[in-house]
Amino acid sequence: MIKRGDEVLEVFLEETTERLDSLENGLLKLEGCEDCDPNVINSIFRDAHSVKAGSNLLELRNIEELSHKLENILEMIRKDQLEPSEMIITASLESVDKLRELIENIEASETISIRMHTSMLEIAVQKTMGQK
């Protein structure tokens, strides 16, 4: 594991913090949005994808797994396969908060459980798909 102070890790942390802020803002725009601007959805999808890709390169598995789940949900929204329901937005925002916690505690990030957040995302998708 790369340690704090490593230039690559520090750039990742800075960029990921910015991307998580952007993700949060985009998710809040999607909340209650009837005819959402595709640019908003595309932008937050790219943010989640970038977090996932960077964490993969640095072998930060918990960050990668949680951001990948979030990316998959955003891809479904992007393809009109899933509505951005209140439950989806809430679970996604909770996951962004968890990603922030992992970033802020990067050296312990592999020991922090993400199980509740991955489950919340999965359940939100199942319940939203069941409402169609």
N, C-alpha and C. Protein backbone atom coordinates (compact mmCIF):
# COMPACT_ATOMS: atom_id res chain seq x y z
N MET A 1 0.85 -1.20 0.00
CA MET A 1 0.00 0.00 0.00
C MET A 1 0.88 1.24 0.00
N ILE A 2 0.50 2.18 -0.82
CA ILE A 2 1.21 3.45 -0.88
C ILE A 2 0.89 4.24 0.39
N LYS A 3 1.87 4.94 0.92
CA LYS A 3 1.70 5.69 2.17
C LYS A 3 1.46 7.18 1.88
N ARG A 4 0.83 7.85 2.85
CA ARG A 4 0.63 9.30 2.76
C ARG A 4 1.97 9.96 2.49
N GLY A 5 1.93 10.99 1.68
CA GLY A 5 3.16 11.67 1.31
C GLY A 5 3.61 11.27 -0.09
N ASP A 6 3.19 10.08 -0.56
CA ASP A 6 3.51 9.66 -1.91
C ASP A 6 2.79 10.60 -2.89
N GLU A 7 3.52 11.12 -3.85
CA GLU A 7 2.97 12.13 -4.76
C GLU A 7 1.75 11.62 -5.53
N VAL A 8 1.81 10.40 -6.02
CA VAL A 8 0.69 9.83 -6.77
C VAL A 8 -0.54 9.71 -5.89
N LEU A 9 -0.36 9.23 -4.67
CA LEU A 9 -1.47 9.09 -3.74
C LEU A 9 -2.06 10.46 -3.39
N GLU A 10 -1.22 11.43 -3.14
CA GLU A 10 -1.71 12.77 -2.78
C GLU A 10 -2.53 13.39 -3.92
N VAL A 11 -2.10 13.19 -5.17
CA VAL A 11 -2.86 13.70 -6.32
C VAL A 11 -4.20 12.98 -6.39
N PHE A 12 -4.17 11.66 -6.20
CA PHE A 12 -5.42 10.88 -6.21
C PHE A 12 -6.38 11.40 -5.14
N LEU A 13 -5.87 11.62 -3.93
CA LEU A 13 -6.73 12.08 -2.83
C LEU A 13 -7.34 13.44 -3.13
N GLU A 14 -6.53 14.34 -3.67
CA GLU A 14 -7.03 15.68 -4.00
C GLU A 14 -8.09 15.61 -5.10
N GLU A 15 -7.79 14.88 -6.16
CA GLU A 15 -8.74 14.77 -7.27
C GLU A 15 -10.02 14.04 -6.85
N THR A 16 -9.87 13.00 -6.03
CA THR A 16 -11.03 12.24 -5.60
C THR A 16 -11.93 13.08 -4.70
N THR A 17 -11.35 13.89 -3.86
CA THR A 17 -12.14 14.79 -3.01
C THR A 17 -12.98 15.72 -3.89
N GLU A 18 -12.38 16.26 -4.93
CA GLU A 18 -13.11 17.14 -5.86
C GLU A 18 -14.20 16.37 -6.60
N ARG A 19 -13.89 15.15 -7.02
CA ARG A 19 -14.88 14.34 -7.74
C ARG A 19 -16.05 13.94 -6.83
N LEU A 20 -15.77 13.66 -5.58
CA LEU A 20 -16.85 13.32 -4.65
C LEU A 20 -17.76 14.52 -4.41
N ASP A 21 -17.19 15.72 -4.34
CA ASP A 21 -18.00 16.94 -4.22
C ASP A 21 -18.90 17.09 -5.45
N SER A 22 -18.33 16.87 -6.62
CA SER A 22 -19.07 16.97 -7.87
C SER A 22 -20.17 15.90 -7.94
N LEU A 23 -19.83 14.70 -7.51
CA LEU A 23 -20.82 13.61 -7.47
C LEU A 23 -22.00 13.97 -6.57
N GLU A 24 -21.68 14.48 -5.39
CA GLU A 24 -22.73 14.85 -4.45
C GLU A 24 -23.63 15.94 -5.04
N ASN A 25 -23.04 16.96 -5.61
CA ASN A 25 -23.82 18.04 -6.22
C ASN A 25 -24.70 17.53 -7.35
N GLY A 26 -24.14 16.65 -8.17
CA GLY A 26 -24.91 16.08 -9.28
C GLY A 26 -26.06 15.21 -8.80
N LEU A 27 -25.81 14.41 -7.78
CA LEU A 27 -26.88 13.57 -7.22
C LEU A 27 -28.00 14.42 -6.65
N LEU A 28 -27.64 15.51 -6.01
CA LEU A 28 -28.67 16.41 -5.46
C LEU A 28 -29.49 17.05 -6.57
N LYS A 29 -28.87 17.31 -7.72
CA LYS A 29 -29.62 17.84 -8.87
C LYS A 29 -30.58 16.79 -9.43
N LEU A 30 -30.17 15.52 -9.39
CA LEU A 30 -31.02 14.44 -9.90
C LEU A 30 -32.23 14.19 -9.01
N GLU A 31 -32.09 14.50 -7.73
CA GLU A 31 -33.15 14.22 -6.77
C GLU A 31 -34.42 14.97 -7.17
N GLY A 32 -35.47 14.22 -7.41
CA GLY A 32 -36.75 14.82 -7.77
C GLY A 32 -36.81 15.39 -9.17
N CYS A 33 -35.84 15.10 -9.98
CA CYS A 33 -35.76 15.63 -11.33
C CYS A 33 -36.62 14.78 -12.27
N GLU A 34 -37.58 15.41 -12.93
CA GLU A 34 -38.46 14.69 -13.85
C GLU A 34 -37.76 14.42 -15.19
N ASP A 35 -37.23 15.46 -15.80
CA ASP A 35 -36.57 15.35 -17.10
C ASP A 35 -35.16 15.89 -16.95
N CYS A 36 -34.30 15.06 -16.40
CA CYS A 36 -32.96 15.49 -16.02
C CYS A 36 -32.07 15.73 -17.23
N ASP A 37 -31.22 16.71 -17.10
CA ASP A 37 -30.24 17.03 -18.13
C ASP A 37 -29.26 15.86 -18.25
N PRO A 38 -29.15 15.26 -19.43
CA PRO A 38 -28.22 14.14 -19.61
C PRO A 38 -26.77 14.51 -19.27
N ASN A 39 -26.42 15.78 -19.39
CA ASN A 39 -25.06 16.21 -19.07
C ASN A 39 -24.75 16.02 -17.59
N VAL A 40 -25.76 16.22 -16.74
CA VAL A 40 -25.57 16.02 -15.30
C VAL A 40 -25.29 14.54 -15.03
N ILE A 41 -26.09 13.69 -15.62
CA ILE A 41 -25.93 12.25 -15.41
C ILE A 41 -24.58 11.80 -15.96
N ASN A 42 -24.22 12.24 -17.16
CA ASN A 42 -22.93 11.86 -17.75
C ASN A 42 -21.76 12.35 -16.90
N SER A 43 -21.88 13.54 -16.37
CA SER A 43 -20.80 14.11 -15.57
C SER A 43 -20.57 13.31 -14.28
N ILE A 44 -21.65 12.98 -13.58
CA ILE A 44 -21.47 12.25 -12.32
C ILE A 44 -21.04 10.80 -12.59
N PHE A 45 -21.48 10.25 -13.73
CA PHE A 45 -21.01 8.92 -14.11
C PHE A 45 -19.49 8.95 -14.30
N ARG A 46 -18.99 9.96 -15.02
CA ARG A 46 -17.54 10.08 -15.25
C ARG A 46 -16.79 10.27 -13.94
N ASP A 47 -17.37 11.02 -13.01
CA ASP A 47 -16.73 11.20 -11.70
C ASP A 47 -16.58 9.86 -10.98
N ALA A 48 -17.66 9.08 -10.95
CA ALA A 48 -17.61 7.77 -10.29
C ALA A 48 -16.61 6.86 -10.99
N HIS A 49 -16.60 6.91 -12.32
CA HIS A 49 -15.67 6.09 -13.09
C HIS A 49 -14.22 6.46 -12.78
N SER A 50 -13.94 7.74 -12.69
CA SER A 50 -12.58 8.19 -12.40
C SER A 50 -12.11 7.77 -11.01
N VAL A 51 -13.01 7.85 -10.03
CA VAL A 51 -12.67 7.40 -8.67
C VAL A 51 -12.36 5.90 -8.71
N LYS A 52 -13.20 5.15 -9.41
CA LYS A 52 -12.98 3.70 -9.51
C LYS A 52 -11.64 3.39 -10.19
N ALA A 53 -11.38 4.04 -11.30
CA ALA A 53 -10.15 3.77 -12.06
C ALA A 53 -8.90 4.11 -11.25
N GLY A 54 -8.92 5.27 -10.58
CA GLY A 54 -7.76 5.67 -9.78
C GLY A 54 -7.52 4.73 -8.61
N SER A 55 -8.60 4.31 -7.97
CA SER A 55 -8.45 3.41 -6.83
C SER A 55 -7.98 2.03 -7.29
N ASN A 56 -8.37 1.64 -8.49
CA ASN A 56 -7.89 0.37 -9.04
C ASN A 56 -6.38 0.43 -9.26
N LEU A 57 -5.91 1.51 -9.84
CA LEU A 57 -4.47 1.66 -10.09
C LEU A 57 -3.66 1.63 -8.80
N LEU A 58 -4.23 2.20 -7.74
CA LEU A 58 -3.52 2.25 -6.46
C LEU A 58 -3.84 1.05 -5.56
N GLU A 59 -4.64 0.12 -6.09
CA GLU A 59 -5.02 -1.09 -5.37
C GLU A 59 -5.73 -0.79 -4.05
N LEU A 60 -6.62 0.19 -4.09
CA LEU A 60 -7.45 0.55 -2.94
C LEU A 60 -8.80 -0.14 -3.13
N ARG A 61 -8.86 -1.39 -2.73
CA ARG A 61 -9.98 -2.28 -3.08
C ARG A 61 -11.33 -1.83 -2.56
N ASN A 62 -11.43 -1.36 -1.33
CA ASN A 62 -12.73 -0.93 -0.80
C ASN A 62 -13.25 0.28 -1.57
N ILE A 63 -12.39 1.22 -1.85
CA ILE A 63 -12.79 2.41 -2.60
C ILE A 63 -13.21 1.99 -4.01
N GLU A 64 -12.43 1.10 -4.59
CA GLU A 64 -12.75 0.62 -5.94
C GLU A 64 -14.10 -0.09 -5.96
N GLU A 65 -14.33 -0.99 -5.01
CA GLU A 65 -15.58 -1.75 -5.00
C GLU A 65 -16.80 -0.86 -4.82
N LEU A 66 -16.75 0.05 -3.88
CA LEU A 66 -17.89 0.91 -3.62
C LEU A 66 -18.13 1.88 -4.77
N SER A 67 -17.07 2.47 -5.31
CA SER A 67 -17.25 3.39 -6.44
C SER A 67 -17.71 2.64 -7.68
N HIS A 68 -17.31 1.38 -7.83
CA HIS A 68 -17.77 0.57 -8.96
C HIS A 68 -19.27 0.31 -8.87
N LYS A 69 -19.76 -0.01 -7.67
CA LYS A 69 -21.20 -0.21 -7.48
C LYS A 69 -21.97 1.07 -7.82
N LEU A 70 -21.43 2.19 -7.37
CA LEU A 70 -22.06 3.47 -7.65
C LEU A 70 -22.04 3.77 -9.15
N GLU A 71 -20.91 3.51 -9.78
CA GLU A 71 -20.78 3.70 -11.23
C GLU A 71 -21.81 2.86 -11.99
N ASN A 72 -22.00 1.61 -11.57
CA ASN A 72 -22.97 0.74 -12.24
C ASN A 72 -24.38 1.29 -12.16
N ILE A 73 -24.74 1.83 -11.00
CA ILE A 73 -26.07 2.42 -10.84
C ILE A 73 -26.23 3.65 -11.73
N LEU A 74 -25.20 4.47 -11.76
CA LEU A 74 -25.26 5.67 -12.62
C LEU A 74 -25.32 5.30 -14.09
N GLU A 75 -24.66 4.22 -14.47
CA GLU A 75 -24.73 3.73 -15.85
C GLU A 75 -26.16 3.30 -16.18
N MET A 76 -26.82 2.64 -15.24
CA MET A 76 -28.22 2.22 -15.45
C MET A 76 -29.13 3.44 -15.60
N ILE A 77 -28.89 4.47 -14.80
CA ILE A 77 -29.68 5.70 -14.92
C ILE A 77 -29.41 6.34 -16.27
N ARG A 78 -28.15 6.37 -16.65
CA ARG A 78 -27.73 6.97 -17.92
C ARG A 78 -28.40 6.29 -19.11
N LYS A 79 -28.58 4.98 -19.02
CA LYS A 79 -29.18 4.21 -20.11
C LYS A 79 -30.70 4.09 -19.98
N ASP A 80 -31.29 4.86 -19.05
CA ASP A 80 -32.74 4.82 -18.79
C ASP A 80 -33.23 3.44 -18.38
N GLN A 81 -32.38 2.67 -17.71
CA GLN A 81 -32.76 1.36 -17.20
C GLN A 81 -33.20 1.45 -15.74
N LEU A 82 -32.96 2.61 -15.12
CA LEU A 82 -33.25 2.80 -13.70
C LEU A 82 -33.62 4.25 -13.46
N GLU A 83 -34.69 4.45 -12.72
CA GLU A 83 -35.09 5.81 -12.35
C GLU A 83 -34.26 6.27 -11.15
N PRO A 84 -33.89 7.54 -11.13
CA PRO A 84 -33.17 8.06 -9.95
C PRO A 84 -34.14 8.33 -8.79
N SER A 85 -34.68 7.25 -8.24
CA SER A 85 -35.67 7.34 -7.16
C SER A 85 -35.04 7.95 -5.91
N GLU A 86 -35.90 8.34 -5.00
CA GLU A 86 -35.41 8.88 -3.72
C GLU A 86 -34.50 7.88 -3.03
N MET A 87 -34.87 6.60 -3.10
CA MET A 87 -34.08 5.55 -2.46
C MET A 87 -32.70 5.41 -3.12
N ILE A 88 -32.66 5.50 -4.44
CA ILE A 88 -31.39 5.41 -5.18
C ILE A 88 -30.51 6.60 -4.81
N ILE A 89 -31.09 7.79 -4.81
CA ILE A 89 -30.31 9.00 -4.51
C ILE A 89 -29.79 8.96 -3.09
N THR A 90 -30.64 8.55 -2.14
CA THR A 90 -30.22 8.48 -0.74
C THR A 90 -29.09 7.48 -0.56
N ALA A 91 -29.23 6.28 -1.12
CA ALA A 91 -28.18 5.26 -1.00
C ALA A 91 -26.88 5.73 -1.67
N SER A 92 -27.02 6.43 -2.78
CA SER A 92 -25.84 6.95 -3.49
C SER A 92 -25.14 8.04 -2.69
N LEU A 93 -25.92 8.94 -2.11
CA LEU A 93 -25.33 9.99 -1.27
C LEU A 93 -24.64 9.40 -0.04
N GLU A 94 -25.26 8.40 0.56
CA GLU A 94 -24.63 7.71 1.71
C GLU A 94 -23.31 7.07 1.28
N SER A 95 -23.29 6.53 0.08
CA SER A 95 -22.07 5.90 -0.43
C SER A 95 -20.98 6.92 -0.71
N VAL A 96 -21.37 8.09 -1.20
CA VAL A 96 -20.39 9.17 -1.39
C VAL A 96 -19.79 9.57 -0.04
N ASP A 97 -20.64 9.66 0.98
CA ASP A 97 -20.14 9.98 2.33
C ASP A 97 -19.16 8.90 2.81
N LYS A 98 -19.48 7.64 2.53
CA LYS A 98 -18.60 6.55 2.94
C LYS A 98 -17.28 6.62 2.17
N LEU A 99 -17.33 6.95 0.90
CA LEU A 99 -16.10 7.12 0.11
C LEU A 99 -15.24 8.25 0.69
N ARG A 100 -15.89 9.32 1.13
CA ARG A 100 -15.15 10.40 1.78
C ARG A 100 -14.43 9.90 3.03
N GLU A 101 -15.15 9.10 3.83
CA GLU A 101 -14.55 8.53 5.04
C GLU A 101 -13.33 7.68 4.68
N LEU A 102 -13.45 6.89 3.64
CA LEU A 102 -12.34 6.04 3.21
C LEU A 102 -11.15 6.87 2.74
N ILE A 103 -11.43 7.95 2.02
CA ILE A 103 -10.38 8.84 1.52
C ILE A 103 -9.69 9.55 2.69
N GLU A 104 -10.49 10.02 3.64
CA GLU A 104 -9.93 10.73 4.79
C GLU A 104 -9.10 9.82 5.69
N ASN A 105 -9.37 8.53 5.64
CA ASN A 105 -8.65 7.53 6.44
C ASN A 105 -7.97 6.53 5.50
N ILE A 106 -7.28 7.06 4.51
CA ILE A 106 -6.78 6.24 3.42
C ILE A 106 -5.91 5.07 3.88
N GLU A 107 -5.09 5.27 4.88
CA GLU A 107 -4.20 4.19 5.30
C GLU A 107 -4.94 3.06 6.01
N ALA A 108 -6.13 3.34 6.51
CA ALA A 108 -6.95 2.31 7.16
C ALA A 108 -8.13 1.90 6.28
N SER A 109 -8.19 2.42 5.05
CA SER A 109 -9.37 2.23 4.21
C SER A 109 -9.69 0.77 3.91
N GLU A 110 -8.69 -0.08 3.91
CA GLU A 110 -8.95 -1.49 3.62
C GLU A 110 -9.54 -2.23 4.82
N THR A 111 -9.50 -1.62 5.99
CA THR A 111 -10.04 -2.27 7.19
C THR A 111 -11.42 -1.72 7.57
N ILE A 112 -11.88 -0.71 6.85
CA ILE A 112 -13.19 -0.10 7.12
C ILE A 112 -14.23 -0.82 6.28
N SER A 113 -15.28 -1.30 6.92
CA SER A 113 -16.31 -2.08 6.22
C SER A 113 -17.14 -1.18 5.30
N ILE A 114 -17.39 -1.69 4.10
CA ILE A 114 -18.28 -1.02 3.15
C ILE A 114 -19.53 -1.87 2.90
N ARG A 115 -19.65 -2.97 3.62
CA ARG A 115 -20.73 -3.94 3.38
C ARG A 115 -22.12 -3.29 3.46
N MET A 116 -22.35 -2.46 4.47
CA MET A 116 -23.66 -1.83 4.61
C MET A 116 -23.99 -0.95 3.40
N HIS A 117 -22.99 -0.23 2.90
CA HIS A 117 -23.23 0.69 1.79
C HIS A 117 -23.42 -0.04 0.47
N THR A 118 -22.67 -1.11 0.24
CA THR A 118 -22.89 -1.88 -0.98
C THR A 118 -24.27 -2.54 -0.93
N SER A 119 -24.66 -3.01 0.24
CA SER A 119 -25.99 -3.62 0.39
C SER A 119 -27.10 -2.59 0.18
N MET A 120 -26.91 -1.38 0.72
CA MET A 120 -27.91 -0.32 0.53
C MET A 120 -28.11 -0.03 -0.95
N LEU A 121 -27.02 0.05 -1.69
CA LEU A 121 -27.12 0.31 -3.13
C LEU A 121 -27.86 -0.82 -3.84
N GLU A 122 -27.52 -2.06 -3.50
CA GLU A 122 -28.17 -3.21 -4.13
C GLU A 122 -29.67 -3.25 -3.82
N ILE A 123 -30.02 -3.02 -2.57
CA ILE A 123 -31.43 -3.03 -2.16
C ILE A 123 -32.20 -1.89 -2.83
N ALA A 124 -31.58 -0.72 -2.91
CA ALA A 124 -32.23 0.42 -3.55
C ALA A 124 -32.55 0.11 -5.02
N VAL A 125 -31.62 -0.54 -5.70
CA VAL A 125 -31.86 -0.92 -7.10
C VAL A 125 -32.99 -1.94 -7.17
N GLN A 126 -32.95 -2.96 -6.34
CA GLN A 126 -33.99 -3.99 -6.36
C GLN A 126 -35.37 -3.41 -6.10
N LYS A 127 -35.46 -2.55 -5.09
CA LYS A 127 -36.77 -1.97 -4.74
C LYS A 127 -37.25 -1.00 -5.83
N THR A 128 -36.34 -0.22 -6.38
CA THR A 128 -36.72 0.72 -7.44
C THR A 128 -37.16 -0.04 -8.69
N MET A 129 -36.43 -1.09 -9.04
CA MET A 129 -36.80 -1.89 -10.22
C MET A 129 -38.14 -2.59 -10.00
N GLY A 130 -38.41 -3.00 -8.76
CA GLY A 130 -39.66 -3.67 -8.42
C GLY A 130 -40.86 -2.74 -8.46
N GLN A 131 -40.62 -1.44 -8.41
CA GLN A 131 -41.71 -0.46 -8.42
C GLN A 131 -42.20 -0.14 -9.83
N LYS A 132 -41.45 -0.58 -10.82
CA LYS A 132 -41.82 -0.28 -12.22
C LYS A 132 -43.07 -1.01 -12.61
